[in-house]
Amino acid sequence: FDLVRDMISPDPKARLTAAQVCVHPFFWHDSKKLLFLCESSDRIELDSDGLFSLQIECNASEVIGFAWDEVLETELLSNVGRYRSYDPSSVRHCLRILRN
């Protein structure tokens, strides 16, 4: 994890402060994590052909691998698959499933 690495950095200038650690997403409440997920997904949907979406999708394999459908529960996938089709290599589609 980057958080742990940055907390124990031997360089004091590169080390996170206690205040920075406390506001890291790892320590967010579930409601804040869900809000972030929803807002991020909405932003990507609104900008589906724009620069923001392209930047996210260009690193999709690093973010979600090559097939996120292989690691999600089959019940979830069968339920959401009834309403639309999803690209298992797309970050945008992965976010949409998690959000919904």
N, C-alpha and C. Protein backbone atom coordinates (compact mmCIF):
# COMPACT_ATOMS: atom_id res chain seq x y z
N PHE A 1 0.82 -1.19 0.00
CA PHE A 1 0.00 0.00 0.00
C PHE A 1 0.87 1.25 0.00
N ASP A 2 0.42 2.24 -0.76
CA ASP A 2 1.13 3.51 -0.77
C ASP A 2 1.04 4.19 0.59
N LEU A 3 -0.08 4.02 1.27
CA LEU A 3 -0.27 4.67 2.56
C LEU A 3 0.81 4.23 3.54
N VAL A 4 1.00 2.94 3.68
CA VAL A 4 2.00 2.42 4.62
C VAL A 4 3.39 2.86 4.20
N ARG A 5 3.68 2.74 2.91
CA ARG A 5 5.00 3.17 2.42
C ARG A 5 5.27 4.63 2.76
N ASP A 6 4.25 5.47 2.54
CA ASP A 6 4.43 6.90 2.82
C ASP A 6 4.47 7.22 4.31
N MET A 7 3.87 6.37 5.11
CA MET A 7 3.91 6.59 6.56
C MET A 7 5.27 6.25 7.16
N ILE A 8 5.95 5.28 6.55
CA ILE A 8 7.23 4.83 7.13
C ILE A 8 8.43 5.25 6.30
N SER A 9 8.24 6.20 5.42
CA SER A 9 9.34 6.67 4.59
C SER A 9 10.52 7.11 5.45
N PRO A 10 11.72 6.70 5.10
CA PRO A 10 12.89 7.13 5.87
C PRO A 10 13.18 8.62 5.72
N ASP A 11 12.66 9.21 4.66
CA ASP A 11 12.84 10.65 4.43
C ASP A 11 11.72 11.40 5.15
N PRO A 12 12.05 12.15 6.19
CA PRO A 12 11.00 12.86 6.95
C PRO A 12 10.17 13.82 6.09
N LYS A 13 10.77 14.38 5.06
CA LYS A 13 10.02 15.30 4.20
C LYS A 13 8.99 14.57 3.34
N ALA A 14 9.25 13.32 3.04
CA ALA A 14 8.32 12.52 2.22
C ALA A 14 7.28 11.80 3.07
N ARG A 15 7.52 11.72 4.37
CA ARG A 15 6.63 11.00 5.28
C ARG A 15 5.34 11.78 5.50
N LEU A 16 4.22 11.06 5.55
CA LEU A 16 2.93 11.69 5.80
C LEU A 16 2.84 12.17 7.24
N THR A 17 2.13 13.27 7.42
CA THR A 17 1.86 13.74 8.78
C THR A 17 0.67 12.96 9.32
N ALA A 18 0.45 13.03 10.62
CA ALA A 18 -0.69 12.35 11.23
C ALA A 18 -2.00 12.89 10.64
N ALA A 19 -2.06 14.19 10.38
CA ALA A 19 -3.26 14.78 9.80
C ALA A 19 -3.53 14.23 8.40
N GLN A 20 -2.48 14.06 7.61
CA GLN A 20 -2.65 13.50 6.26
C GLN A 20 -3.11 12.05 6.32
N VAL A 21 -2.57 11.30 7.25
CA VAL A 21 -2.96 9.90 7.39
C VAL A 21 -4.44 9.81 7.78
N CYS A 22 -4.87 10.65 8.67
CA CYS A 22 -6.26 10.60 9.16
C CYS A 22 -7.30 10.90 8.08
N VAL A 23 -6.94 11.65 7.06
CA VAL A 23 -7.91 11.98 6.00
C VAL A 23 -7.73 11.09 4.76
N HIS A 24 -6.85 10.11 4.85
CA HIS A 24 -6.64 9.19 3.73
C HIS A 24 -7.92 8.37 3.51
N PRO A 25 -8.25 8.06 2.25
CA PRO A 25 -9.46 7.29 1.96
C PRO A 25 -9.56 5.95 2.70
N PHE A 26 -8.46 5.37 3.08
CA PHE A 26 -8.51 4.11 3.83
C PHE A 26 -9.30 4.27 5.12
N PHE A 27 -9.28 5.47 5.69
CA PHE A 27 -9.95 5.71 6.97
C PHE A 27 -11.32 6.38 6.82
N TRP A 28 -11.78 6.55 5.60
CA TRP A 28 -13.11 7.13 5.39
C TRP A 28 -14.19 6.19 5.91
N HIS A 29 -15.30 6.78 6.37
CA HIS A 29 -16.48 6.00 6.74
C HIS A 29 -17.10 5.43 5.47
N ASP A 30 -17.85 4.37 5.62
CA ASP A 30 -18.48 3.73 4.47
C ASP A 30 -19.34 4.69 3.67
N SER A 31 -20.05 5.58 4.35
CA SER A 31 -20.91 6.53 3.65
C SER A 31 -20.10 7.48 2.76
N LYS A 32 -18.93 7.88 3.23
CA LYS A 32 -18.08 8.76 2.43
C LYS A 32 -17.49 8.01 1.25
N LYS A 33 -17.12 6.75 1.45
CA LYS A 33 -16.61 5.93 0.35
C LYS A 33 -17.67 5.75 -0.73
N LEU A 34 -18.90 5.48 -0.31
CA LEU A 34 -19.99 5.30 -1.27
C LEU A 34 -20.27 6.60 -2.02
N LEU A 35 -20.28 7.71 -1.33
CA LEU A 35 -20.50 9.00 -1.97
C LEU A 35 -19.41 9.28 -3.00
N PHE A 36 -18.17 9.02 -2.64
CA PHE A 36 -17.06 9.21 -3.58
C PHE A 36 -17.23 8.32 -4.80
N LEU A 37 -17.58 7.06 -4.58
CA LEU A 37 -17.79 6.13 -5.68
C LEU A 37 -18.90 6.61 -6.61
N CYS A 38 -20.01 7.04 -6.04
CA CYS A 38 -21.14 7.53 -6.84
C CYS A 38 -20.78 8.79 -7.62
N GLU A 39 -20.15 9.73 -6.96
CA GLU A 39 -19.78 10.98 -7.63
C GLU A 39 -18.74 10.75 -8.73
N SER A 40 -17.79 9.87 -8.48
CA SER A 40 -16.78 9.56 -9.49
C SER A 40 -17.42 8.89 -10.69
N SER A 41 -18.28 7.94 -10.42
CA SER A 41 -18.96 7.23 -11.50
C SER A 41 -19.83 8.18 -12.31
N ASP A 42 -20.55 9.06 -11.64
CA ASP A 42 -21.39 10.04 -12.34
C ASP A 42 -20.55 10.95 -13.22
N ARG A 43 -19.42 11.39 -12.70
CA ARG A 43 -18.55 12.29 -13.47
C ARG A 43 -18.03 11.59 -14.72
N ILE A 44 -17.66 10.35 -14.57
CA ILE A 44 -17.16 9.59 -15.73
C ILE A 44 -18.27 9.40 -16.75
N GLU A 45 -19.48 9.11 -16.28
CA GLU A 45 -20.61 8.92 -17.20
C GLU A 45 -20.91 10.20 -17.98
N LEU A 46 -20.85 11.34 -17.30
CA LEU A 46 -21.14 12.61 -17.97
C LEU A 46 -20.05 12.98 -18.98
N ASP A 47 -18.86 12.47 -18.74
CA ASP A 47 -17.70 12.80 -19.58
C ASP A 47 -17.23 11.56 -20.34
N SER A 48 -18.16 10.71 -20.77
CA SER A 48 -17.79 9.40 -21.31
C SER A 48 -16.85 9.47 -22.52
N ASP A 49 -16.87 10.55 -23.27
CA ASP A 49 -15.97 10.68 -24.42
C ASP A 49 -14.90 11.74 -24.20
N GLY A 50 -14.80 12.25 -22.99
CA GLY A 50 -13.87 13.34 -22.71
C GLY A 50 -12.52 12.88 -22.19
N LEU A 51 -11.70 13.84 -21.89
CA LEU A 51 -10.33 13.59 -21.44
C LEU A 51 -10.28 12.83 -20.12
N PHE A 52 -11.15 13.19 -19.19
CA PHE A 52 -11.16 12.53 -17.87
C PHE A 52 -11.39 11.03 -18.03
N SER A 53 -12.38 10.67 -18.81
CA SER A 53 -12.68 9.25 -19.03
C SER A 53 -11.55 8.54 -19.76
N LEU A 54 -10.97 9.21 -20.74
CA LEU A 54 -9.87 8.60 -21.47
C LEU A 54 -8.67 8.34 -20.55
N GLN A 55 -8.41 9.26 -19.64
CA GLN A 55 -7.29 9.08 -18.71
C GLN A 55 -7.54 7.89 -17.79
N ILE A 56 -8.77 7.73 -17.36
CA ILE A 56 -9.09 6.61 -16.48
C ILE A 56 -9.03 5.29 -17.24
N GLU A 57 -9.59 5.27 -18.42
CA GLU A 57 -9.63 4.03 -19.19
C GLU A 57 -8.26 3.62 -19.73
N CYS A 58 -7.35 4.56 -19.95
CA CYS A 58 -6.05 4.19 -20.51
C CYS A 58 -5.23 3.36 -19.52
N ASN A 59 -5.53 3.43 -18.25
CA ASN A 59 -4.84 2.64 -17.24
C ASN A 59 -5.75 1.56 -16.64
N ALA A 60 -6.78 1.19 -17.36
CA ALA A 60 -7.77 0.25 -16.85
C ALA A 60 -7.15 -1.06 -16.37
N SER A 61 -6.22 -1.60 -17.11
CA SER A 61 -5.64 -2.89 -16.72
C SER A 61 -4.92 -2.81 -15.38
N GLU A 62 -4.37 -1.64 -15.05
CA GLU A 62 -3.70 -1.46 -13.76
C GLU A 62 -4.70 -1.29 -12.63
N VAL A 63 -5.86 -0.73 -12.95
CA VAL A 63 -6.88 -0.45 -11.94
C VAL A 63 -7.73 -1.68 -11.65
N ILE A 64 -8.22 -2.32 -12.70
CA ILE A 64 -9.18 -3.42 -12.52
C ILE A 64 -8.74 -4.73 -13.14
N GLY A 65 -7.55 -4.78 -13.70
CA GLY A 65 -7.13 -5.98 -14.39
C GLY A 65 -7.74 -6.03 -15.78
N PHE A 66 -7.81 -7.21 -16.34
CA PHE A 66 -8.33 -7.33 -17.70
C PHE A 66 -9.76 -7.84 -17.74
N ALA A 67 -10.25 -8.35 -16.62
CA ALA A 67 -11.61 -8.89 -16.61
C ALA A 67 -12.17 -8.87 -15.19
N TRP A 68 -12.74 -7.73 -14.79
CA TRP A 68 -13.27 -7.62 -13.44
C TRP A 68 -14.43 -8.57 -13.20
N ASP A 69 -15.08 -9.03 -14.27
CA ASP A 69 -16.22 -9.94 -14.10
C ASP A 69 -15.78 -11.30 -13.55
N GLU A 70 -14.50 -11.61 -13.62
CA GLU A 70 -14.01 -12.88 -13.08
C GLU A 70 -13.85 -12.85 -11.56
N VAL A 71 -13.85 -11.67 -10.95
CA VAL A 71 -13.66 -11.59 -9.51
C VAL A 71 -14.90 -11.11 -8.76
N LEU A 72 -15.93 -10.69 -9.47
CA LEU A 72 -17.17 -10.29 -8.81
C LEU A 72 -18.10 -11.50 -8.66
N GLU A 73 -18.98 -11.42 -7.69
CA GLU A 73 -19.92 -12.51 -7.44
C GLU A 73 -20.82 -12.75 -8.65
N THR A 74 -21.02 -14.00 -8.99
CA THR A 74 -21.83 -14.34 -10.16
C THR A 74 -23.28 -13.89 -10.00
N GLU A 75 -23.80 -13.91 -8.78
CA GLU A 75 -25.17 -13.44 -8.54
C GLU A 75 -25.31 -11.96 -8.88
N LEU A 76 -24.32 -11.19 -8.50
CA LEU A 76 -24.33 -9.75 -8.82
C LEU A 76 -24.31 -9.55 -10.33
N LEU A 77 -23.45 -10.27 -11.00
CA LEU A 77 -23.32 -10.11 -12.44
C LEU A 77 -24.57 -10.55 -13.19
N SER A 78 -25.20 -11.62 -12.74
CA SER A 78 -26.40 -12.07 -13.44
C SER A 78 -27.55 -11.09 -13.23
N ASN A 79 -27.59 -10.46 -12.08
CA ASN A 79 -28.65 -9.50 -11.80
C ASN A 79 -28.50 -8.23 -12.64
N VAL A 80 -27.31 -7.66 -12.66
CA VAL A 80 -27.11 -6.41 -13.41
C VAL A 80 -27.07 -6.65 -14.91
N GLY A 81 -26.69 -7.85 -15.31
CA GLY A 81 -26.61 -8.16 -16.73
C GLY A 81 -27.96 -8.23 -17.42
N ARG A 82 -29.02 -8.25 -16.63
CA ARG A 82 -30.37 -8.29 -17.22
C ARG A 82 -30.77 -6.97 -17.85
N TYR A 83 -30.18 -5.89 -17.38
CA TYR A 83 -30.62 -4.55 -17.79
C TYR A 83 -29.75 -3.91 -18.87
N ARG A 84 -28.51 -4.31 -18.94
CA ARG A 84 -27.60 -3.75 -19.94
C ARG A 84 -26.36 -4.62 -20.03
N SER A 85 -25.58 -4.39 -21.05
CA SER A 85 -24.34 -5.16 -21.18
C SER A 85 -23.17 -4.32 -20.67
N TYR A 86 -22.17 -5.01 -20.17
CA TYR A 86 -21.00 -4.35 -19.60
C TYR A 86 -19.72 -4.89 -20.23
N ASP A 87 -18.74 -4.02 -20.32
CA ASP A 87 -17.42 -4.39 -20.83
C ASP A 87 -16.53 -4.68 -19.62
N PRO A 88 -16.13 -5.93 -19.40
CA PRO A 88 -15.35 -6.27 -18.20
C PRO A 88 -13.92 -5.72 -18.18
N SER A 89 -13.54 -5.00 -19.22
CA SER A 89 -12.21 -4.37 -19.21
C SER A 89 -12.31 -2.86 -18.98
N SER A 90 -13.52 -2.37 -18.75
CA SER A 90 -13.75 -0.93 -18.60
C SER A 90 -13.89 -0.51 -17.13
N VAL A 91 -13.13 0.49 -16.74
CA VAL A 91 -13.24 1.05 -15.39
C VAL A 91 -14.62 1.68 -15.21
N ARG A 92 -15.08 2.38 -16.23
CA ARG A 92 -16.39 3.05 -16.17
C ARG A 92 -17.50 2.04 -15.91
N HIS A 93 -17.46 0.92 -16.59
CA HIS A 93 -18.49 -0.09 -16.41
C HIS A 93 -18.39 -0.77 -15.05
N CYS A 94 -17.18 -0.97 -14.58
CA CYS A 94 -16.99 -1.54 -13.24
C CYS A 94 -17.56 -0.61 -12.18
N LEU A 95 -17.27 0.67 -12.30
CA LEU A 95 -17.81 1.65 -11.35
C LEU A 95 -19.33 1.68 -11.39
N ARG A 96 -19.90 1.59 -12.59
CA ARG A 96 -21.35 1.62 -12.73
C ARG A 96 -21.98 0.44 -11.98
N ILE A 97 -21.40 -0.74 -12.13
CA ILE A 97 -21.93 -1.91 -11.43
C ILE A 97 -21.82 -1.75 -9.92
N LEU A 98 -20.67 -1.32 -9.45
CA LEU A 98 -20.48 -1.16 -8.01
C LEU A 98 -21.40 -0.09 -7.44
N ARG A 99 -21.60 0.98 -8.20
CA ARG A 99 -22.47 2.06 -7.75
C ARG A 99 -23.90 1.60 -7.66
N ASN A 100 -24.37 0.89 -8.66
CA ASN A 100 -25.77 0.47 -8.70
C ASN A 100 -26.01 -0.70 -7.77
